[in-house]
Protein backbone atom coordinates (compact mmCIF):
# COMPACT_ATOMS: atom_id res chain seq x y z
CA MET A 1 14.35 -19.51 6.92
CA ARG A 2 12.30 -21.91 9.03
CA PRO A 3 11.75 -25.28 7.37
CA VAL A 4 8.19 -25.58 6.02
CA ASP A 5 6.75 -28.15 3.61
CA LEU A 6 5.02 -25.50 1.51
CA GLU A 7 3.05 -27.78 -0.78
CA ARG A 8 1.68 -29.82 2.08
CA PHE A 9 1.05 -26.78 4.24
CA TRP A 10 -1.17 -25.02 1.71
CA ALA A 11 -3.05 -28.21 0.85
CA GLU A 12 -3.85 -28.72 4.52
CA ASP A 13 -4.63 -25.04 5.01
CA GLU A 14 -7.31 -25.17 2.33
CA ARG A 15 -9.00 -27.96 4.24
CA ALA A 16 -8.51 -26.11 7.53
CA HIS A 17 -10.71 -23.22 6.33
CA GLU A 18 -13.70 -25.44 5.54
CA GLU A 19 -16.84 -25.05 7.66
CA ASN A 20 -15.67 -21.70 8.99
CA CYS A 21 -12.44 -23.37 10.24
CA PHE A 22 -14.41 -25.92 12.27
CA SER A 23 -14.10 -28.90 9.91
CA SER A 24 -13.56 -32.13 11.82
CA THR A 25 -11.47 -33.46 8.93
CA ALA A 26 -8.89 -30.64 9.12
CA LYS A 27 -5.47 -31.78 10.24
CA GLN A 28 -4.11 -28.40 11.29
CA VAL A 29 -5.09 -24.98 12.57
CA ALA A 30 -5.98 -22.53 9.81
CA LEU A 31 -3.76 -19.64 8.78
CA GLY A 32 -5.54 -16.32 8.36
CA ILE A 33 -2.51 -14.14 7.66
CA ARG A 34 -2.24 -13.03 4.05
CA MET A 35 -0.19 -9.87 4.72
CA SER A 36 -1.36 -6.44 3.47
CA ASP A 37 -0.58 -3.81 0.88
CA GLU A 38 1.13 -1.81 3.63
CA CYS A 39 3.92 -4.37 3.90
CA VAL A 40 5.43 -3.87 0.45
CA PHE A 41 7.51 -0.86 1.43
CA ALA A 42 9.62 -2.38 4.20
CA GLU A 43 9.80 -5.76 2.48
CA LEU A 44 11.13 -4.29 -0.76
CA GLY A 45 13.07 -1.41 0.77
CA GLU A 46 10.97 1.07 -1.16
CA PRO A 47 9.89 4.57 -0.07
CA GLY A 48 6.19 5.26 0.37
CA ASN A 49 3.44 6.02 2.86
CA PRO A 50 1.68 2.77 3.84
CA TRP A 51 -1.55 4.61 4.70
CA GLY A 52 -1.26 7.30 2.04
CA GLU A 53 -2.08 7.33 -1.64
CA THR A 54 0.02 5.22 -3.98
CA PRO A 55 -0.52 5.74 -7.73
CA ARG A 56 -2.26 2.78 -9.35
CA GLU A 57 0.57 1.73 -11.67
CA ARG A 58 3.11 2.02 -8.86
CA ARG A 59 0.87 -0.02 -6.56
CA MET A 60 0.51 -2.81 -9.08
CA GLU A 61 4.25 -2.87 -9.76
CA LEU A 62 5.08 -3.02 -6.03
CA ASN A 63 2.55 -5.78 -5.42
CA ARG A 64 3.86 -7.87 -8.32
CA ARG A 65 7.41 -7.62 -7.04
CA TYR A 66 6.22 -8.41 -3.53
CA ASN A 67 4.33 -11.47 -4.76
CA ASP A 68 7.40 -12.71 -6.63
CA LYS A 69 9.23 -12.67 -3.32
CA ALA A 70 6.29 -14.13 -1.40
CA GLU A 71 6.10 -17.07 -3.79
CA LYS A 72 9.67 -18.00 -2.89
CA ILE A 73 9.34 -17.51 0.87
CA VAL A 74 5.80 -18.67 1.70
CA GLY A 75 4.80 -20.46 -1.51
CA LYS A 76 1.88 -18.23 -2.48
CA ARG A 77 1.18 -14.92 -4.16
CA LEU A 78 -0.58 -12.94 -1.46
CA LEU A 79 -1.53 -9.47 -2.68
CA ARG A 80 -3.81 -8.51 -5.53
CA GLU A 81 -2.03 -7.28 -8.64
CA ASN A 82 -4.91 -5.79 -10.61
CA PHE A 83 -6.65 -2.64 -9.46
CA PRO A 84 -9.59 -0.92 -11.15
CA HIS A 85 -8.90 2.12 -13.26
CA PRO A 86 -10.17 5.30 -11.57
CA ASP A 87 -12.78 5.56 -14.32
CA GLU A 88 -14.35 2.31 -13.04
CA ILE A 89 -14.69 3.37 -9.41
CA PHE A 90 -18.04 4.55 -8.07
CA PRO A 91 -18.04 7.88 -6.24
CA ALA A 92 -17.91 7.25 -2.50
CA TYR A 93 -20.85 7.73 -0.19
CA ARG A 94 -20.40 10.56 2.28
CA GLY A 95 -18.79 9.16 5.42
CA ILE A 96 -21.09 8.25 8.30
CA GLY A 97 -19.12 10.57 10.57
CA GLU A 98 -20.04 13.48 8.32
CA VAL A 99 -23.72 12.84 9.00
CA PHE A 100 -22.95 13.78 12.61
CA GLY A 101 -20.98 16.87 11.60
CA GLY A 102 -17.51 15.31 11.79
CA SER A 103 -14.81 15.68 9.16
CA TYR A 104 -12.29 13.19 7.79
CA VAL A 105 -8.80 14.71 7.81
CA PHE A 106 -5.61 13.15 6.43
CA ASP A 107 -2.71 14.23 8.66
CA GLY A 108 0.05 13.00 6.35
CA ASN A 109 0.00 9.49 7.77
CA VAL A 110 -3.58 8.41 8.32
CA THR A 111 -7.12 9.72 8.00
CA TRP A 112 -8.86 10.65 11.27
CA LEU A 113 -12.48 11.45 11.96
CA LYS A 114 -12.45 14.83 13.74
CA SER A 115 -14.94 15.76 16.44
CA SER A 116 -17.92 18.00 15.79
CA CYS A 117 -19.12 18.72 19.34
CA GLN A 118 -17.79 18.86 22.90
CA THR A 119 -20.66 19.55 25.27
CA PRO A 120 -24.01 17.83 25.85
CA GLU A 121 -25.74 20.93 24.48
CA GLU A 122 -23.68 20.79 21.29
CA LEU A 123 -24.32 17.06 20.91
CA GLU A 124 -28.05 17.60 21.37
CA ALA A 125 -27.96 20.22 18.60
CA VAL A 126 -26.12 17.76 16.32
CA LEU A 127 -28.72 15.06 16.96
CA ASP A 128 -31.54 17.53 16.36
CA ARG A 129 -29.97 18.34 12.99
CA VAL A 130 -29.61 14.62 12.13
CA ASP A 131 -33.29 14.10 13.00
CA ARG A 132 -34.28 16.85 10.56
CA MET A 133 -31.93 15.99 7.70
CA ASP A 134 -32.58 13.78 4.71
CA VAL A 135 -29.78 11.29 5.39
CA GLU A 136 -30.30 9.50 2.09
CA ASP A 137 -29.91 12.69 0.11
CA PHE A 138 -26.87 13.64 2.18
CA LEU A 139 -24.95 10.38 1.81
CA LEU A 140 -25.25 10.18 -1.99
CA PRO A 141 -22.76 12.48 -3.80
CA SER A 142 -24.21 14.96 -6.26
CA ASN A 143 -22.91 13.03 -9.30
CA TRP A 144 -24.06 9.65 -8.00
CA TYR A 145 -26.84 8.77 -10.45
CA ARG A 146 -24.95 10.03 -13.48
CA GLU A 147 -21.82 8.07 -12.57
CA LYS A 148 -23.79 5.00 -11.57
CA GLU A 149 -25.44 4.88 -15.00
CA ARG A 150 -22.19 5.60 -16.85
CA ILE A 151 -20.22 2.89 -15.05
CA PHE A 152 -22.96 0.32 -15.58
CA GLN A 153 -23.28 1.15 -19.27
CA THR A 154 -19.49 1.09 -19.77
CA TYR A 155 -18.38 -1.75 -17.52
CA GLY A 156 -21.56 -3.60 -16.58
CA THR A 157 -20.88 -3.26 -12.85
CA LYS A 158 -23.16 -2.18 -10.05
CA PRO A 159 -22.24 -0.40 -6.81
CA PRO A 160 -20.97 -2.55 -3.94
CA LEU A 161 -23.08 -3.20 -0.89
CA TRP A 162 -22.37 -1.22 2.29
CA ARG A 163 -21.91 -3.97 4.85
CA HIS A 164 -19.12 -2.77 7.14
CA VAL A 165 -18.82 0.22 9.45
CA ARG A 166 -16.82 1.54 12.35
CA GLY A 167 -18.43 0.24 15.49
CA PRO A 168 -20.83 2.50 17.36
CA VAL A 169 -18.55 3.30 20.29
CA THR A 170 -15.56 4.25 18.11
CA LEU A 171 -17.79 6.40 15.93
CA ALA A 172 -19.26 8.10 18.98
CA THR A 173 -15.89 8.77 20.67
CA SER A 174 -14.64 10.33 17.44
CA ILE A 175 -17.67 12.60 17.18
CA PHE A 176 -18.03 13.59 20.83
CA GLY A 177 -14.71 12.77 22.50
CA THR A 178 -13.74 9.81 24.64
CA GLU A 179 -14.07 11.34 28.12
CA ASN A 180 -17.14 13.31 27.07
CA LEU A 181 -18.93 10.13 25.99
CA ILE A 182 -18.09 8.30 29.19
CA PHE A 183 -19.26 11.21 31.36
CA LEU A 184 -22.42 11.47 29.26
CA TYR A 185 -23.51 8.05 30.53
CA TYR A 186 -23.52 9.37 34.08
CA ASP A 187 -24.49 13.00 33.54
CA ALA A 188 -27.12 12.76 30.78
CA PRO A 189 -28.27 9.14 30.41
CA GLU A 190 -31.22 10.03 28.17
CA LEU A 191 -28.93 11.86 25.74
CA PHE A 192 -26.47 8.94 25.90
CA LEU A 193 -29.27 6.59 24.81
CA ARG A 194 -30.50 9.03 22.17
CA PHE A 195 -27.01 9.19 20.63
CA SER A 196 -26.98 5.40 20.27
CA GLN A 197 -30.45 5.33 18.74
CA SER A 198 -29.50 8.04 16.25
CA ILE A 199 -26.41 6.08 15.17
CA LEU A 200 -28.58 3.00 14.62
CA ARG A 201 -31.08 4.90 12.45
CA VAL A 202 -28.28 6.30 10.31
CA ILE A 203 -26.62 2.89 9.88
CA LEU A 204 -29.95 1.39 8.83
CA THR A 205 -30.37 4.17 6.28
CA TYR A 206 -26.96 3.42 4.77
CA ILE A 207 -27.84 -0.27 4.58
CA ARG A 208 -31.21 0.41 2.95
CA VAL A 209 -29.84 2.87 0.39
CA SER A 210 -26.83 0.75 -0.58
CA THR A 211 -29.04 -2.32 -0.95
CA ARG A 212 -31.28 -0.49 -3.39
CA GLU A 213 -28.43 1.17 -5.29
CA ALA A 214 -26.65 -2.17 -5.70
CA GLY A 215 -29.73 -3.53 -7.43
CA TYR A 216 -31.10 -5.70 -4.62
CA THR A 217 -34.22 -5.80 -2.53
CA PRO A 218 -34.06 -6.56 1.20
CA GLU A 219 -35.13 -10.10 0.32
CA THR A 220 -32.54 -10.71 -2.41
CA ALA A 221 -29.49 -8.95 -0.92
CA PRO A 222 -26.55 -11.13 0.16
CA HIS A 223 -26.35 -11.55 3.91
CA GLY A 224 -23.61 -10.52 6.32
CA PHE A 225 -22.30 -7.50 8.25
CA SER A 226 -19.16 -6.57 10.18
CA PHE A 227 -18.18 -3.92 12.71
CA ALA A 228 -14.77 -2.50 13.66
CA ASP A 229 -15.07 -1.05 17.16
CA ASP A 230 -11.67 -0.61 18.82
CA ASP A 231 -12.96 1.83 21.43
CA CYS A 232 -15.65 -0.48 22.79
CA ASN A 233 -13.13 -1.51 25.47
CA LEU A 234 -13.59 1.92 27.10
CA PHE A 235 -17.15 1.04 28.13
CA THR A 236 -18.20 -0.95 31.15
CA PRO A 237 -20.54 -3.86 30.39
CA GLU A 238 -23.44 -1.74 31.62
CA MET A 239 -22.57 1.10 29.26
CA TYR A 240 -22.07 -1.21 26.30
CA GLU A 241 -25.36 -2.99 27.01
CA ILE A 242 -27.17 0.32 26.55
CA PHE A 243 -25.15 1.90 23.75
CA GLY A 244 -23.43 -0.69 21.55
CA PHE A 245 -25.22 -4.01 21.91
CA PRO A 246 -28.68 -2.85 20.65
CA ILE A 247 -27.09 -1.50 17.45
CA LEU A 248 -25.26 -4.72 16.63
CA LYS A 249 -28.31 -6.80 17.53
CA GLU A 250 -30.61 -4.80 15.22
CA VAL A 251 -28.15 -4.71 12.30
CA PHE A 252 -27.35 -8.41 12.52
CA SER A 253 -31.06 -9.21 12.76
CA LEU A 254 -31.58 -7.35 9.48
CA CYS A 255 -28.45 -8.33 7.54
CA SER A 256 -27.50 -11.69 9.05
CA PRO A 257 -30.68 -13.51 10.07
CA ASN A 258 -29.46 -17.06 9.39
CA PRO A 259 -27.09 -19.00 11.66
CA GLU A 260 -24.39 -19.23 8.98
CA ASP A 261 -24.54 -15.54 7.95
CA GLU A 262 -21.51 -13.41 8.71
CA ARG A 263 -21.76 -11.57 12.03
CA TYR A 264 -18.32 -10.14 12.67
CA GLN A 265 -16.75 -7.91 15.31
CA HIS A 266 -13.22 -6.50 15.15
CA SER A 267 -12.01 -4.79 18.31
CA ASP A 268 -8.22 -4.89 18.64
CA SER A 269 -8.31 -3.68 22.23
CA ALA A 270 -8.55 -5.12 25.74
CA MET A 271 -12.29 -5.69 25.51
CA GLY A 272 -12.49 -9.11 27.16
CA HIS A 273 -14.98 -7.78 29.74
CA LEU A 274 -17.53 -7.37 26.92
CA ILE A 275 -17.28 -10.92 25.57
CA PRO A 276 -20.24 -12.22 27.62
CA ILE A 277 -22.45 -9.54 26.04
CA LEU A 278 -21.10 -10.06 22.52
CA SER A 279 -21.61 -13.81 22.88
CA ARG A 280 -25.37 -13.23 22.76
CA LEU A 281 -24.99 -12.06 19.15
CA ASN A 282 -23.79 -15.50 17.97
CA LEU A 283 -20.83 -14.03 16.10
CA THR A 284 -19.51 -16.20 13.29
CA GLY A 285 -16.10 -14.51 13.48
CA CYS A 286 -14.15 -12.21 15.77
CA ASN A 287 -10.82 -10.39 15.90
CA PHE A 288 -10.08 -9.17 19.42
CA GLY A 289 -7.09 -7.52 21.05
CA PRO A 290 -3.86 -9.39 21.83
CA THR A 291 -4.49 -9.41 25.58
CA VAL A 292 -7.70 -11.37 25.07
CA THR A 293 -7.00 -15.10 25.18
CA VAL A 294 -8.32 -18.01 23.17
CA GLU A 295 -9.64 -19.52 26.40
CA GLU A 296 -11.63 -16.36 27.24
CA ILE A 297 -13.23 -16.29 23.82
CA ARG A 298 -14.04 -19.99 23.78
CA ARG A 299 -15.58 -19.87 27.25
CA TYR A 300 -18.39 -17.70 25.92
CA MET A 301 -18.20 -18.20 22.15
CA PRO A 302 -17.87 -21.92 21.39
CA ASN A 303 -18.99 -21.57 17.77
CA THR A 304 -17.18 -18.36 16.75
CA ARG A 305 -14.15 -18.43 14.45
CA ILE A 306 -11.25 -16.78 16.26
CA ASP A 307 -9.08 -14.63 13.98
CA GLY A 308 -6.08 -14.10 16.27
CA GLN A 309 -4.42 -13.93 18.73
CA LEU A 310 -0.89 -13.06 17.56
CA ALA A 311 0.02 -9.56 18.74
CA PRO A 312 0.56 -7.24 15.74
CA PHE A 313 3.62 -5.70 17.37
CA THR A 314 5.12 -9.16 17.92
CA PHE A 315 4.58 -9.94 14.25
CA MET A 316 5.95 -6.58 13.14
CA GLY A 317 8.97 -6.96 15.41
CA ASN A 318 10.02 -10.00 13.35
CA ASP A 319 11.41 -11.85 16.39
CA GLU A 320 10.72 -15.34 15.11
CA GLU A 321 11.11 -17.03 18.49
CA ALA A 322 8.53 -14.69 20.02
CA ILE A 323 6.19 -15.22 17.06
CA ILE A 324 6.47 -19.00 17.31
CA ALA A 325 5.87 -18.88 21.05
CA GLU A 326 2.60 -16.93 20.67
CA VAL A 327 1.31 -19.15 17.87
CA ARG A 328 2.22 -22.26 19.84
CA ARG A 329 0.39 -20.86 22.87
CA ASP A 330 -2.81 -20.36 20.88
CA CYS A 331 -2.61 -23.71 19.10
CA GLU A 332 -2.21 -25.49 22.43
CA SER A 333 -5.04 -23.41 23.92
CA ILE A 334 -7.54 -24.37 21.23
CA ARG A 335 -6.73 -28.05 21.72
CA ALA A 336 -7.02 -27.66 25.48
CA CYS A 337 -10.50 -26.25 24.91
CA LYS A 338 -11.29 -29.40 22.90
CA SER A 339 -12.38 -27.10 20.11
CA ARG A 340 -11.54 -25.95 16.60
CA GLY A 341 -12.23 -22.72 14.74
CA LEU A 342 -8.87 -21.04 15.34
CA ASN A 343 -7.65 -19.04 12.36
CA ILE A 344 -4.16 -17.80 13.21
CA SER A 345 -4.12 -14.07 12.46
CA THR A 346 -2.80 -10.92 14.02
CA ALA A 347 -5.02 -9.55 16.79
CA GLY A 348 -5.33 -6.30 14.84
CA SER A 349 -3.79 -4.84 11.72
CA ILE A 350 -0.82 -6.20 9.80
CA ASN A 351 1.53 -3.24 9.64
CA ASN A 352 4.37 -2.17 7.40
CA GLY A 353 7.56 -3.74 8.76
CA SER A 354 6.00 -7.19 9.11
CA LEU A 355 8.18 -9.42 6.95
CA LEU A 356 7.44 -12.50 4.86
CA THR A 357 9.96 -14.47 6.92
CA SER A 358 7.74 -13.78 9.94
CA MET A 359 4.76 -15.21 8.09
CA ARG A 360 6.85 -18.27 7.31
CA ALA A 361 7.67 -18.53 11.03
CA VAL A 362 3.93 -18.61 11.74
CA MET A 363 3.53 -21.38 9.17
CA PHE A 364 6.39 -23.29 10.81
CA ALA A 365 4.69 -22.97 14.20
CA ILE A 366 1.40 -24.28 12.82
CA GLN A 367 3.24 -27.15 11.13
CA GLU A 368 4.99 -28.02 14.41
CA TYR A 369 2.40 -27.19 17.08
CA GLY A 370 -0.92 -26.62 15.33
CA GLN A 371 -1.81 -30.17 14.36
CA TYR A 372 -5.21 -31.40 15.59
């Protein structure tokens, strides 16, 4: 394994995360990688579906064994070991895709949102139905109030806030189809705009309802919101300006009004052409695709924490020399920009097959090349 002073590394990493990873007293670039529950199977040589259901007791046992190994290799227990009993879990809101007539289908590996319409006429009918429906009544499951009261009386807990959603473009491509949505911009611009406005109204309804159900008012609710919009890269800047940007702007204005409030965008795709538009949202954090560079982000987003830019497939490939080279590249880039705020993470998901020795290689690279 790569030589790493584990005690010193983690002490310096704690300091590196201060002030959103911009602390002038930090000695090294921050490490954002903390692995994921998916990784236990390959690491431990155990069977299982990383994106499927794992029984609670089995999950806790796998995570404990994984953490025992992590403690030896990277010096820290990384994954949570306690999971709520099913009796403690609130019934889920209906998915936002279902509001637009879509369905969530597990194909044996992962859950996909399936399309509900294919033509402009069908989409118009879907939006007409959304305009007429009581979205609040639809999103709350039939047993919501009974279960909410029971869980509070038994465990003293309240429902979590709804403060993260698939980004508007990814939601729309799932509902209407990728090519269909792109053609819609040219063939039916008014319907294209109406689709965006309908998505915004529905998102705002989810925010309002979850705020109330969690026991807050708009004034007392914690701030922050994040989007995951992989498909935004399919839009030209002009298309995104009309469809995606107004949604993020409105939601952030409501949920993240203060400079320090979380405003986050994840898009692990080649969406560098949209960075100038996204920069106007004053994001506090971003996670963009591996082809987007630190220099590109910093050119337009000087105050945004960069969670990246290690390619997930490089990390999963476990080629330590390649991993070190990418981390070194990004560490040298952030210094060349005369900036801070780099939080070394994968530019996308951490997948099963990514090993703890690869995480240690990242730590080695930060120790060697990520000193400010």
